[in-house]
Amino acid sequence: MSDWYYAADNEQKGPVNEAELKENLAANKIPPDTLVWKDGMESWTPANQVPAFSFRQPPIPAKVQPTTAAAPAAAAPKADPAINNPESTKPVDLAGVIGKPEALEVDAEDAEKNKVFGILAYVIFFVPLLVAKDSPFAKYHANQGLALFLTMLGTLIVLAVLSFIPFIGFIFGLLHIVVYLGYLVLVILGIVNAAAGKCVPLPVIGGIKLLK
């Protein structure tokens, strides 16, 4: 089952499985119009517009016509917290944090001003942290650059150890090439996104958040 991401407190949460997200929505732990997304969707969508999370409310019981004895009064329908609390339906402010998965909304001026540092984040990830540490745009790409670098480094170390296994070690040695190619593809993709002034979660490592 595909993992889901959702927006809460101006942050991207997840991944969580569908059952857990559905339970939180059903229990009103998160608002029904919370923006959700998973791989394959074109854009972030309110949960109550996604078929998997659309809960049908039970109909209001019809009044029972009294006969010889008056029937007990039907219990008043439970008030919807969203009606009495307008704040619960207030759209989440995702500026600079989250938006469409292919182009998270950021401040256009910030993106234009720090575009070079966003690009450098995929070559030398710590440069934006030193030069543009107050820029959400630069920090976003620095986080992805760091996550990408550490993922590649860890994978290469594991493959290097496994390559010493007799008889089959050469297979793991060959996988180094695959890892380098995959790393190169993600670096290019990240640079293209940064050059376009976008904050797009990269495949595989896009959900890793190392920098706050």
N, C-alpha and C. Protein backbone atom coordinates (compact mmCIF):
# COMPACT_ATOMS: atom_id res chain seq x y z
N MET A 1 0.85 -1.20 0.00
CA MET A 1 0.00 0.00 0.00
C MET A 1 0.88 1.24 0.00
N SER A 2 0.59 2.22 -0.83
CA SER A 2 1.42 3.41 -0.98
C SER A 2 1.40 4.23 0.31
N ASP A 3 2.52 4.83 0.63
CA ASP A 3 2.60 5.72 1.78
C ASP A 3 2.01 7.08 1.42
N TRP A 4 1.42 7.73 2.43
CA TRP A 4 0.77 9.03 2.23
C TRP A 4 1.56 10.10 2.98
N TYR A 5 1.48 11.32 2.47
CA TYR A 5 2.02 12.48 3.14
C TYR A 5 0.85 13.44 3.38
N TYR A 6 0.93 14.23 4.46
CA TYR A 6 -0.12 15.21 4.71
C TYR A 6 0.48 16.45 5.33
N ALA A 7 -0.26 17.56 5.26
CA ALA A 7 0.21 18.85 5.75
C ALA A 7 -0.40 19.13 7.11
N ALA A 8 0.45 19.47 8.08
CA ALA A 8 -0.02 19.81 9.41
C ALA A 8 0.99 20.75 10.06
N ASP A 9 0.48 21.81 10.72
CA ASP A 9 1.34 22.77 11.41
C ASP A 9 2.42 23.33 10.50
N ASN A 10 2.02 23.65 9.25
CA ASN A 10 2.96 24.24 8.30
C ASN A 10 4.13 23.34 7.97
N GLU A 11 3.94 22.02 8.11
CA GLU A 11 5.00 21.08 7.79
C GLU A 11 4.44 19.90 7.00
N GLN A 12 5.32 19.29 6.24
CA GLN A 12 4.95 18.06 5.54
C GLN A 12 5.17 16.88 6.48
N LYS A 13 4.11 16.13 6.76
CA LYS A 13 4.19 14.96 7.64
C LYS A 13 4.17 13.69 6.80
N GLY A 14 4.76 12.64 7.32
CA GLY A 14 4.74 11.36 6.64
C GLY A 14 6.13 10.87 6.36
N PRO A 15 6.23 9.73 5.71
CA PRO A 15 5.08 8.97 5.18
C PRO A 15 4.33 8.18 6.26
N VAL A 16 3.03 8.01 6.08
CA VAL A 16 2.20 7.16 6.94
C VAL A 16 1.38 6.26 6.04
N ASN A 17 0.99 5.10 6.57
CA ASN A 17 0.20 4.20 5.73
C ASN A 17 -1.25 4.68 5.69
N GLU A 18 -1.99 4.17 4.72
CA GLU A 18 -3.35 4.64 4.49
C GLU A 18 -4.25 4.38 5.68
N ALA A 19 -4.08 3.23 6.34
CA ALA A 19 -4.95 2.89 7.47
C ALA A 19 -4.77 3.87 8.61
N GLU A 20 -3.52 4.26 8.89
CA GLU A 20 -3.26 5.20 9.98
C GLU A 20 -3.83 6.57 9.67
N LEU A 21 -3.64 7.02 8.43
CA LEU A 21 -4.17 8.33 8.04
C LEU A 21 -5.70 8.33 8.10
N LYS A 22 -6.30 7.25 7.63
CA LYS A 22 -7.76 7.16 7.65
C LYS A 22 -8.28 7.18 9.09
N GLU A 23 -7.58 6.52 10.00
CA GLU A 23 -7.99 6.50 11.40
C GLU A 23 -7.90 7.89 12.02
N ASN A 24 -6.83 8.63 11.71
CA ASN A 24 -6.68 9.98 12.25
C ASN A 24 -7.77 10.92 11.73
N LEU A 25 -8.14 10.76 10.46
CA LEU A 25 -9.21 11.58 9.88
C LEU A 25 -10.55 11.23 10.50
N ALA A 26 -10.81 9.94 10.66
CA ALA A 26 -12.09 9.50 11.22
C ALA A 26 -12.25 9.96 12.66
N ALA A 27 -11.13 10.03 13.40
CA ALA A 27 -11.18 10.44 14.80
C ALA A 27 -11.04 11.96 14.96
N ASN A 28 -11.03 12.70 13.83
CA ASN A 28 -10.89 14.16 13.86
C ASN A 28 -9.59 14.61 14.53
N LYS A 29 -8.57 13.74 14.50
CA LYS A 29 -7.27 14.16 15.01
C LYS A 29 -6.62 15.15 14.05
N ILE A 30 -6.97 15.06 12.78
CA ILE A 30 -6.56 16.06 11.80
C ILE A 30 -7.81 16.47 11.02
N PRO A 31 -7.90 17.75 10.58
CA PRO A 31 -9.11 18.24 9.91
C PRO A 31 -9.42 17.44 8.64
N PRO A 32 -10.71 17.33 8.28
CA PRO A 32 -11.08 16.56 7.10
C PRO A 32 -10.57 17.17 5.79
N ASP A 33 -10.26 18.48 5.80
CA ASP A 33 -9.78 19.10 4.56
C ASP A 33 -8.26 19.20 4.53
N THR A 34 -7.60 18.40 5.38
CA THR A 34 -6.14 18.36 5.37
C THR A 34 -5.63 17.95 3.98
N LEU A 35 -4.63 18.66 3.48
CA LEU A 35 -4.06 18.32 2.17
C LEU A 35 -3.25 17.04 2.27
N VAL A 36 -3.51 16.10 1.36
CA VAL A 36 -2.79 14.82 1.34
C VAL A 36 -2.25 14.56 -0.05
N TRP A 37 -1.22 13.70 -0.10
CA TRP A 37 -0.62 13.34 -1.39
C TRP A 37 0.13 12.04 -1.24
N LYS A 38 0.13 11.27 -2.33
CA LYS A 38 0.98 10.08 -2.41
C LYS A 38 1.51 9.96 -3.83
N ASP A 39 2.48 9.13 -4.01
CA ASP A 39 3.10 8.96 -5.31
C ASP A 39 2.05 8.54 -6.34
N GLY A 40 2.00 9.22 -7.46
CA GLY A 40 1.03 8.93 -8.51
C GLY A 40 -0.02 10.01 -8.64
N MET A 41 -0.22 10.82 -7.55
CA MET A 41 -1.19 11.91 -7.62
C MET A 41 -0.54 13.13 -8.26
N GLU A 42 -1.33 13.92 -8.98
CA GLU A 42 -0.80 15.08 -9.69
C GLU A 42 -0.60 16.26 -8.76
N SER A 43 -1.38 16.36 -7.69
CA SER A 43 -1.27 17.51 -6.81
C SER A 43 -1.80 17.15 -5.43
N TRP A 44 -1.47 18.01 -4.47
CA TRP A 44 -2.02 17.85 -3.13
C TRP A 44 -3.53 18.10 -3.17
N THR A 45 -4.28 17.29 -2.46
CA THR A 45 -5.74 17.34 -2.52
C THR A 45 -6.31 17.23 -1.11
N PRO A 46 -7.37 18.02 -0.78
CA PRO A 46 -8.01 17.85 0.52
C PRO A 46 -8.46 16.41 0.72
N ALA A 47 -8.25 15.90 1.93
CA ALA A 47 -8.56 14.49 2.20
C ALA A 47 -10.03 14.17 1.94
N ASN A 48 -10.91 15.13 2.23
CA ASN A 48 -12.33 14.83 2.04
C ASN A 48 -12.75 14.83 0.57
N GLN A 49 -11.78 15.10 -0.33
CA GLN A 49 -12.06 14.98 -1.77
C GLN A 49 -11.38 13.76 -2.38
N VAL A 50 -10.71 12.98 -1.54
CA VAL A 50 -10.06 11.75 -1.98
C VAL A 50 -10.98 10.58 -1.64
N PRO A 51 -11.35 9.76 -2.61
CA PRO A 51 -12.31 8.67 -2.35
C PRO A 51 -11.92 7.78 -1.18
N ALA A 52 -10.64 7.54 -0.99
CA ALA A 52 -10.20 6.64 0.08
C ALA A 52 -10.50 7.20 1.46
N PHE A 53 -10.65 8.55 1.57
CA PHE A 53 -10.87 9.16 2.87
C PHE A 53 -12.21 9.88 2.96
N SER A 54 -13.13 9.61 2.03
CA SER A 54 -14.45 10.23 2.07
C SER A 54 -15.37 9.38 2.94
N PHE A 55 -15.75 9.92 4.07
CA PHE A 55 -16.60 9.18 5.00
C PHE A 55 -18.05 9.65 4.85
N ARG A 56 -18.95 8.73 4.61
CA ARG A 56 -20.36 9.06 4.44
C ARG A 56 -20.99 9.23 5.82
N GLN A 57 -21.57 10.41 6.08
CA GLN A 57 -22.22 10.65 7.34
C GLN A 57 -23.56 9.91 7.40
N PRO A 58 -23.92 9.32 8.54
CA PRO A 58 -25.20 8.63 8.64
C PRO A 58 -26.36 9.61 8.51
N PRO A 59 -27.46 9.19 7.89
CA PRO A 59 -28.60 10.11 7.74
C PRO A 59 -29.23 10.44 9.08
N ILE A 60 -29.84 11.64 9.14
CA ILE A 60 -30.53 12.05 10.36
C ILE A 60 -31.83 11.25 10.48
N PRO A 61 -32.07 10.61 11.63
CA PRO A 61 -33.28 9.78 11.75
C PRO A 61 -34.55 10.61 11.58
N ALA A 62 -35.51 10.05 10.85
CA ALA A 62 -36.79 10.74 10.64
C ALA A 62 -37.59 10.77 11.93
N LYS A 63 -38.40 11.81 12.07
CA LYS A 63 -39.24 11.89 13.26
C LYS A 63 -40.28 10.78 13.27
N VAL A 64 -40.46 10.20 14.42
CA VAL A 64 -41.45 9.14 14.58
C VAL A 64 -42.79 9.77 14.95
N GLN A 65 -43.80 9.49 14.14
CA GLN A 65 -45.12 10.05 14.40
C GLN A 65 -45.72 9.40 15.66
N PRO A 66 -46.17 10.21 16.62
CA PRO A 66 -46.74 9.63 17.85
C PRO A 66 -48.06 8.92 17.55
N THR A 67 -48.28 7.80 18.24
CA THR A 67 -49.55 7.07 18.13
C THR A 67 -50.30 7.22 19.44
N THR A 68 -50.36 6.17 20.21
CA THR A 68 -51.05 6.28 21.49
C THR A 68 -50.16 6.91 22.55
N ALA A 69 -48.87 6.67 22.42
CA ALA A 69 -47.94 7.22 23.40
C ALA A 69 -46.86 7.98 22.63
N ALA A 70 -46.43 9.07 23.23
CA ALA A 70 -45.41 9.88 22.57
C ALA A 70 -44.09 9.13 22.55
N ALA A 71 -43.51 9.09 21.36
CA ALA A 71 -42.22 8.41 21.22
C ALA A 71 -41.12 9.28 21.80
N PRO A 72 -40.07 8.64 22.31
CA PRO A 72 -38.96 9.44 22.86
C PRO A 72 -38.37 10.35 21.79
N ALA A 73 -38.02 11.53 22.22
CA ALA A 73 -37.44 12.49 21.27
C ALA A 73 -36.10 11.97 20.77
N ALA A 74 -35.91 12.10 19.47
CA ALA A 74 -34.64 11.65 18.88
C ALA A 74 -33.52 12.57 19.36
N ALA A 75 -32.40 11.96 19.64
CA ALA A 75 -31.25 12.75 20.11
C ALA A 75 -30.84 13.73 19.02
N ALA A 76 -30.51 14.94 19.45
CA ALA A 76 -30.06 15.95 18.50
C ALA A 76 -28.77 15.51 17.86
N PRO A 77 -28.66 15.69 16.53
CA PRO A 77 -27.41 15.30 15.87
C PRO A 77 -26.22 16.03 16.47
N LYS A 78 -25.15 15.29 16.58
CA LYS A 78 -23.93 15.85 17.16
C LYS A 78 -23.43 16.98 16.29
N ALA A 79 -23.12 18.10 16.96
CA ALA A 79 -22.65 19.27 16.21
C ALA A 79 -21.31 18.99 15.58
N ASP A 80 -21.17 19.47 14.39
CA ASP A 80 -19.91 19.32 13.67
C ASP A 80 -18.92 20.33 14.23
N PRO A 81 -17.78 19.87 14.79
CA PRO A 81 -16.80 20.81 15.34
C PRO A 81 -16.35 21.84 14.33
N ALA A 82 -16.36 21.48 13.05
CA ALA A 82 -15.91 22.43 12.04
C ALA A 82 -16.83 23.62 11.92
N ILE A 83 -18.16 23.43 12.27
CA ILE A 83 -19.12 24.53 12.18
C ILE A 83 -18.93 25.50 13.32
N ASN A 84 -18.74 24.96 14.55
CA ASN A 84 -18.59 25.80 15.73
C ASN A 84 -17.18 26.35 15.88
N ASN A 85 -16.28 25.78 15.16
CA ASN A 85 -14.89 26.24 15.26
C ASN A 85 -14.35 26.54 13.87
N PRO A 86 -14.56 27.75 13.36
CA PRO A 86 -14.12 28.09 12.00
C PRO A 86 -12.64 27.87 11.80
N GLU A 87 -11.85 27.93 12.89
CA GLU A 87 -10.41 27.77 12.74
C GLU A 87 -10.05 26.39 12.21
N SER A 88 -10.95 25.37 12.49
CA SER A 88 -10.64 24.01 12.08
C SER A 88 -10.69 23.85 10.57
N THR A 89 -11.44 24.76 9.90
CA THR A 89 -11.54 24.67 8.44
C THR A 89 -10.66 25.70 7.74
N LYS A 90 -9.89 26.44 8.54
CA LYS A 90 -9.02 27.45 7.96
C LYS A 90 -7.91 26.77 7.17
N PRO A 91 -7.69 27.14 5.90
CA PRO A 91 -6.65 26.49 5.10
C PRO A 91 -5.29 26.61 5.77
N VAL A 92 -4.52 25.55 5.66
CA VAL A 92 -3.17 25.56 6.22
C VAL A 92 -2.29 26.48 5.40
N ASP A 93 -1.57 27.35 6.08
CA ASP A 93 -0.65 28.25 5.38
C ASP A 93 0.61 27.48 5.03
N LEU A 94 0.75 27.14 3.76
CA LEU A 94 1.86 26.31 3.32
C LEU A 94 2.92 27.10 2.58
N ALA A 95 2.84 28.42 2.66
CA ALA A 95 3.80 29.23 1.91
C ALA A 95 5.21 28.91 2.37
N GLY A 96 6.05 28.58 1.44
CA GLY A 96 7.44 28.29 1.72
C GLY A 96 7.67 26.92 2.32
N VAL A 97 6.61 26.15 2.54
CA VAL A 97 6.78 24.85 3.16
C VAL A 97 6.29 23.74 2.27
N ILE A 98 5.04 23.88 1.78
CA ILE A 98 4.48 22.77 1.02
C ILE A 98 3.44 23.29 0.05
N GLY A 99 3.26 22.63 -1.04
CA GLY A 99 2.27 22.99 -2.03
C GLY A 99 2.06 21.78 -2.91
N LYS A 100 2.11 21.97 -4.21
CA LYS A 100 2.05 20.82 -5.10
C LYS A 100 3.34 20.03 -4.98
N PRO A 101 3.28 18.70 -5.09
CA PRO A 101 4.50 17.92 -4.96
C PRO A 101 5.52 18.21 -6.02
N GLU A 102 5.07 18.70 -7.21
CA GLU A 102 6.04 18.98 -8.25
C GLU A 102 6.58 20.39 -8.17
N ALA A 103 5.98 21.25 -7.32
CA ALA A 103 6.49 22.61 -7.16
C ALA A 103 5.95 23.18 -5.86
N LEU A 104 6.63 22.91 -4.75
CA LEU A 104 6.20 23.44 -3.47
C LEU A 104 6.26 24.96 -3.50
N GLU A 105 5.24 25.58 -2.93
CA GLU A 105 5.16 27.03 -2.99
C GLU A 105 6.25 27.66 -2.13
N VAL A 106 7.02 28.52 -2.71
CA VAL A 106 8.05 29.26 -1.99
C VAL A 106 7.94 30.73 -2.34
N ASP A 107 8.60 31.54 -1.59
CA ASP A 107 8.63 32.96 -1.87
C ASP A 107 9.43 33.19 -3.14
N ALA A 108 8.80 33.80 -4.14
CA ALA A 108 9.45 33.97 -5.44
C ALA A 108 10.74 34.78 -5.32
N GLU A 109 10.72 35.80 -4.48
CA GLU A 109 11.91 36.63 -4.31
C GLU A 109 13.04 35.83 -3.67
N ASP A 110 12.68 35.02 -2.66
CA ASP A 110 13.68 34.18 -1.99
C ASP A 110 14.29 33.18 -2.97
N ALA A 111 13.43 32.55 -3.79
CA ALA A 111 13.91 31.56 -4.76
C ALA A 111 14.83 32.19 -5.79
N GLU A 112 14.46 33.38 -6.27
CA GLU A 112 15.27 34.05 -7.28
C GLU A 112 16.62 34.51 -6.71
N LYS A 113 16.58 34.99 -5.49
CA LYS A 113 17.79 35.53 -4.86
C LYS A 113 18.78 34.43 -4.51
N ASN A 114 18.27 33.25 -4.12
CA ASN A 114 19.13 32.17 -3.63
C ASN A 114 19.16 30.96 -4.56
N LYS A 115 18.82 31.19 -5.81
CA LYS A 115 18.77 30.09 -6.78
C LYS A 115 20.15 29.42 -6.93
N VAL A 116 21.21 30.23 -6.94
CA VAL A 116 22.56 29.68 -7.11
C VAL A 116 22.92 28.76 -5.94
N PHE A 117 22.53 29.17 -4.72
CA PHE A 117 22.84 28.34 -3.55
C PHE A 117 22.02 27.06 -3.55
N GLY A 118 20.81 27.14 -4.10
CA GLY A 118 20.00 25.93 -4.23
C GLY A 118 20.66 24.92 -5.16
N ILE A 119 21.28 25.44 -6.24
CA ILE A 119 21.99 24.57 -7.18
C ILE A 119 23.23 23.97 -6.52
N LEU A 120 23.98 24.83 -5.81
CA LEU A 120 25.21 24.37 -5.16
C LEU A 120 24.94 23.32 -4.09
N ALA A 121 23.73 23.30 -3.55
CA ALA A 121 23.40 22.35 -2.49
C ALA A 121 23.57 20.91 -2.95
N TYR A 122 23.46 20.66 -4.25
CA TYR A 122 23.59 19.29 -4.76
C TYR A 122 25.03 18.96 -5.15
N VAL A 123 25.92 19.95 -5.00
CA VAL A 123 27.34 19.72 -5.27
C VAL A 123 28.12 19.77 -3.95
N ILE A 124 27.90 20.85 -3.20
CA ILE A 124 28.51 21.01 -1.87
C ILE A 124 27.38 21.45 -0.95
N PHE A 125 26.74 20.50 -0.30
CA PHE A 125 25.48 20.77 0.40
C PHE A 125 25.59 21.79 1.52
N PHE A 126 26.79 21.96 2.13
CA PHE A 126 26.89 22.85 3.29
C PHE A 126 27.06 24.32 2.91
N VAL A 127 27.31 24.61 1.63
CA VAL A 127 27.49 26.00 1.21
C VAL A 127 26.25 26.85 1.52
N PRO A 128 25.04 26.40 1.15
CA PRO A 128 23.86 27.21 1.46
C PRO A 128 23.67 27.43 2.95
N LEU A 129 24.10 26.47 3.78
CA LEU A 129 23.94 26.61 5.23
C LEU A 129 24.86 27.69 5.79
N LEU A 130 25.95 27.96 5.10
CA LEU A 130 26.89 28.98 5.54
C LEU A 130 26.56 30.35 4.98
N VAL A 131 26.12 30.38 3.72
CA VAL A 131 25.93 31.66 3.03
C VAL A 131 24.48 32.14 3.07
N ALA A 132 23.53 31.20 3.01
CA ALA A 132 22.12 31.58 2.94
C ALA A 132 21.30 30.78 3.95
N LYS A 133 21.76 30.79 5.19
CA LYS A 133 21.13 29.97 6.22
C LYS A 133 19.72 30.43 6.58
N ASP A 134 19.38 31.68 6.28
CA ASP A 134 18.04 32.20 6.60
C ASP A 134 17.06 32.03 5.44
N SER A 135 17.49 31.42 4.36
CA SER A 135 16.63 31.25 3.19
C SER A 135 15.93 29.89 3.23
N PRO A 136 14.60 29.85 3.33
CA PRO A 136 13.89 28.56 3.29
C PRO A 136 14.15 27.80 2.00
N PHE A 137 14.27 28.53 0.89
CA PHE A 137 14.53 27.89 -0.40
C PHE A 137 15.88 27.20 -0.41
N ALA A 138 16.94 27.91 0.02
CA ALA A 138 18.28 27.33 0.04
C ALA A 138 18.35 26.18 1.04
N LYS A 139 17.69 26.35 2.19
CA LYS A 139 17.73 25.30 3.21
C LYS A 139 17.02 24.04 2.73
N TYR A 140 15.94 24.20 1.99
CA TYR A 140 15.22 23.03 1.47
C TYR A 140 16.14 22.20 0.58
N HIS A 141 16.83 22.88 -0.34
CA HIS A 141 17.71 22.15 -1.25
C HIS A 141 18.97 21.64 -0.54
N ALA A 142 19.43 22.37 0.48
CA ALA A 142 20.56 21.88 1.27
C ALA A 142 20.18 20.59 1.99
N ASN A 143 18.94 20.52 2.48
CA ASN A 143 18.46 19.29 3.14
C ASN A 143 18.45 18.12 2.17
N GLN A 144 17.95 18.38 0.95
CA GLN A 144 17.90 17.30 -0.04
C GLN A 144 19.30 16.90 -0.49
N GLY A 145 20.19 17.89 -0.65
CA GLY A 145 21.56 17.58 -1.03
C GLY A 145 22.26 16.74 0.03
N LEU A 146 22.03 17.10 1.31
CA LEU A 146 22.63 16.34 2.41
C LEU A 146 22.06 14.92 2.48
N ALA A 147 20.73 14.81 2.37
CA ALA A 147 20.09 13.50 2.41
C ALA A 147 20.57 12.62 1.26
N LEU A 148 20.72 13.21 0.09
CA LEU A 148 21.18 12.46 -1.08
C LEU A 148 22.62 11.99 -0.89
N PHE A 149 23.46 12.88 -0.38
CA PHE A 149 24.87 12.52 -0.18
C PHE A 149 25.02 11.40 0.85
N LEU A 150 24.33 11.53 1.99
CA LEU A 150 24.45 10.53 3.04
C LEU A 150 23.87 9.19 2.61
N THR A 151 22.77 9.24 1.84
CA THR A 151 22.19 7.99 1.34
C THR A 151 23.15 7.27 0.40
N MET A 152 23.76 8.04 -0.50
CA MET A 152 24.72 7.43 -1.42
C MET A 152 25.92 6.87 -0.67
N LEU A 153 26.45 7.66 0.28
CA LEU A 153 27.63 7.24 1.03
C LEU A 153 27.34 5.95 1.81
N GLY A 154 26.20 5.92 2.50
CA GLY A 154 25.85 4.73 3.26
C GLY A 154 25.67 3.51 2.38
N THR A 155 25.03 3.72 1.22
CA THR A 155 24.82 2.60 0.29
C THR A 155 26.14 2.07 -0.24
N LEU A 156 27.06 2.97 -0.58
CA LEU A 156 28.36 2.54 -1.09
C LEU A 156 29.17 1.79 -0.05
N ILE A 157 29.08 2.22 1.19
CA ILE A 157 29.80 1.53 2.27
C ILE A 157 29.27 0.11 2.43
N VAL A 158 27.94 -0.02 2.43
CA VAL A 158 27.33 -1.36 2.57
C VAL A 158 27.75 -2.26 1.41
N LEU A 159 27.71 -1.71 0.19
CA LEU A 159 28.08 -2.51 -0.99
C LEU A 159 29.56 -2.88 -0.96
N ALA A 160 30.39 -1.97 -0.44
CA ALA A 160 31.81 -2.26 -0.35
C ALA A 160 32.07 -3.43 0.59
N VAL A 161 31.35 -3.45 1.70
CA VAL A 161 31.49 -4.56 2.65
C VAL A 161 31.00 -5.87 2.04
N LEU A 162 29.84 -5.81 1.38
CA LEU A 162 29.26 -7.02 0.78
C LEU A 162 30.08 -7.54 -0.39
N SER A 163 30.86 -6.67 -1.01
CA SER A 163 31.64 -7.10 -2.17
C SER A 163 32.76 -8.08 -1.79
N PHE A 164 33.06 -8.19 -0.49
CA PHE A 164 34.09 -9.12 -0.03
C PHE A 164 33.54 -10.53 0.19
N ILE A 165 32.24 -10.71 0.02
CA ILE A 165 31.65 -12.05 0.18
C ILE A 165 32.15 -12.94 -0.96
N PRO A 166 32.68 -14.12 -0.64
CA PRO A 166 33.20 -15.01 -1.69
C PRO A 166 32.11 -15.39 -2.69
N PHE A 167 32.51 -15.53 -3.94
CA PHE A 167 31.69 -16.01 -5.04
C PHE A 167 30.67 -14.99 -5.55
N ILE A 168 29.93 -14.37 -4.63
CA ILE A 168 28.88 -13.45 -5.09
C ILE A 168 29.24 -12.00 -4.83
N GLY A 169 30.41 -11.76 -4.25
CA GLY A 169 30.80 -10.39 -3.92
C GLY A 169 30.90 -9.49 -5.13
N PHE A 170 31.28 -10.08 -6.27
CA PHE A 170 31.45 -9.26 -7.47
C PHE A 170 30.13 -8.61 -7.91
N ILE A 171 29.00 -9.29 -7.57
CA ILE A 171 27.68 -8.73 -7.92
C ILE A 171 27.47 -7.40 -7.20
N PHE A 172 27.81 -7.37 -5.91
CA PHE A 172 27.66 -6.15 -5.14
C PHE A 172 28.65 -5.09 -5.62
N GLY A 173 29.80 -5.56 -6.09
CA GLY A 173 30.75 -4.61 -6.66
C GLY A 173 30.20 -3.92 -7.89
N LEU A 174 29.49 -4.68 -8.73
CA LEU A 174 28.89 -4.10 -9.93
C LEU A 174 27.78 -3.12 -9.59
N LEU A 175 27.13 -3.34 -8.44
CA LEU A 175 26.03 -2.45 -8.06
C LEU A 175 26.53 -1.03 -7.77
N HIS A 176 27.84 -0.89 -7.53
CA HIS A 176 28.38 0.46 -7.32
C HIS A 176 28.06 1.35 -8.52
N ILE A 177 28.15 0.77 -9.71
CA ILE A 177 27.88 1.55 -10.92
C ILE A 177 26.44 2.04 -10.92
N VAL A 178 25.51 1.16 -10.54
CA VAL A 178 24.09 1.53 -10.50
C VAL A 178 23.87 2.66 -9.50
N VAL A 179 24.53 2.56 -8.34
CA VAL A 179 24.37 3.59 -7.31
C VAL A 179 24.90 4.93 -7.81
N TYR A 180 26.06 4.92 -8.46
CA TYR A 180 26.62 6.18 -8.99
C TYR A 180 25.71 6.80 -10.04
N LEU A 181 25.18 5.95 -10.91
CA LEU A 181 24.29 6.47 -11.95
C LEU A 181 23.01 7.05 -11.34
N GLY A 182 22.45 6.33 -10.37
CA GLY A 182 21.24 6.83 -9.70
C GLY A 182 21.51 8.14 -8.98
N TYR A 183 22.67 8.22 -8.32
CA TYR A 183 23.05 9.45 -7.63
C TYR A 183 23.18 10.60 -8.62
N LEU A 184 23.81 10.34 -9.76
CA LEU A 184 23.99 11.37 -10.77
C LEU A 184 22.65 11.86 -11.31
N VAL A 185 21.72 10.93 -11.53
CA VAL A 185 20.39 11.31 -12.04
C VAL A 185 19.68 12.21 -11.03
N LEU A 186 19.74 11.85 -9.73
CA LEU A 186 19.06 12.65 -8.70
C LEU A 186 19.72 14.01 -8.53
N VAL A 187 21.04 14.06 -8.66
CA VAL A 187 21.74 15.35 -8.58
C VAL A 187 21.29 16.27 -9.71
N ILE A 188 21.24 15.73 -10.91
CA ILE A 188 20.81 16.53 -12.06
C ILE A 188 19.37 17.00 -11.88
N LEU A 189 18.52 16.10 -11.40
CA LEU A 189 17.12 16.47 -11.19
C LEU A 189 16.99 17.57 -10.14
N GLY A 190 17.76 17.45 -9.05
CA GLY A 190 17.72 18.48 -8.02
C GLY A 190 18.22 19.82 -8.54
N ILE A 191 19.28 19.81 -9.33
CA ILE A 191 19.83 21.05 -9.89
C ILE A 191 18.81 21.70 -10.84
N VAL A 192 18.16 20.89 -11.65
CA VAL A 192 17.15 21.43 -12.57
C VAL A 192 16.01 22.08 -11.80
N ASN A 193 15.56 21.43 -10.72
CA ASN A 193 14.48 21.99 -9.90
C ASN A 193 14.90 23.30 -9.25
N ALA A 194 16.12 23.32 -8.70
CA ALA A 194 16.60 24.54 -8.05
C ALA A 194 16.76 25.67 -9.06
N ALA A 195 17.26 25.35 -10.25
CA ALA A 195 17.44 26.37 -11.28
C ALA A 195 16.11 26.94 -11.73
N ALA A 196 15.05 26.13 -11.62
CA ALA A 196 13.72 26.59 -12.00
C ALA A 196 12.99 27.29 -10.86
N GLY A 197 13.66 27.41 -9.71
CA GLY A 197 13.05 28.07 -8.56
C GLY A 197 12.00 27.24 -7.88
N LYS A 198 12.11 25.90 -7.98
CA LYS A 198 11.12 25.00 -7.41
C LYS A 198 11.71 24.22 -6.23
N CYS A 199 10.83 23.80 -5.35
CA CYS A 199 11.21 22.90 -4.26
C CYS A 199 10.43 21.61 -4.45
N VAL A 200 11.07 20.64 -5.05
CA VAL A 200 10.40 19.38 -5.39
C VAL A 200 11.07 18.24 -4.65
N PRO A 201 10.32 17.43 -3.91
CA PRO A 201 10.93 16.28 -3.23
C PRO A 201 11.46 15.27 -4.24
N LEU A 202 12.72 14.95 -4.13
CA LEU A 202 13.34 13.99 -5.04
C LEU A 202 12.83 12.58 -4.77
N PRO A 203 12.83 11.72 -5.78
CA PRO A 203 12.46 10.33 -5.55
C PRO A 203 13.39 9.69 -4.52
N VAL A 204 12.88 8.74 -3.80
CA VAL A 204 13.62 7.91 -2.83
C VAL A 204 13.94 8.69 -1.55
N ILE A 205 14.60 9.85 -1.67
CA ILE A 205 15.07 10.56 -0.47
C ILE A 205 14.25 11.81 -0.17
N GLY A 206 13.20 12.06 -0.96
CA GLY A 206 12.44 13.29 -0.81
C GLY A 206 11.78 13.46 0.54
N GLY A 207 11.45 12.36 1.22
CA GLY A 207 10.77 12.46 2.51
C GLY A 207 11.72 12.59 3.70
N ILE A 208 13.02 12.54 3.46
CA ILE A 208 14.00 12.63 4.56
C ILE A 208 14.21 14.09 4.93
N LYS A 209 14.01 14.40 6.20
CA LYS A 209 14.21 15.77 6.67
C LYS A 209 15.28 15.78 7.74
N LEU A 210 16.45 16.30 7.40
CA LEU A 210 17.57 16.32 8.32
C LEU A 210 17.82 17.70 8.92
N LEU A 211 17.38 18.74 8.21
CA LEU A 211 17.61 20.11 8.66
C LEU A 211 16.30 20.73 9.09
N LYS A 212 16.31 21.45 10.19
CA LYS A 212 15.10 22.11 10.69
C LYS A 212 15.23 23.61 10.50
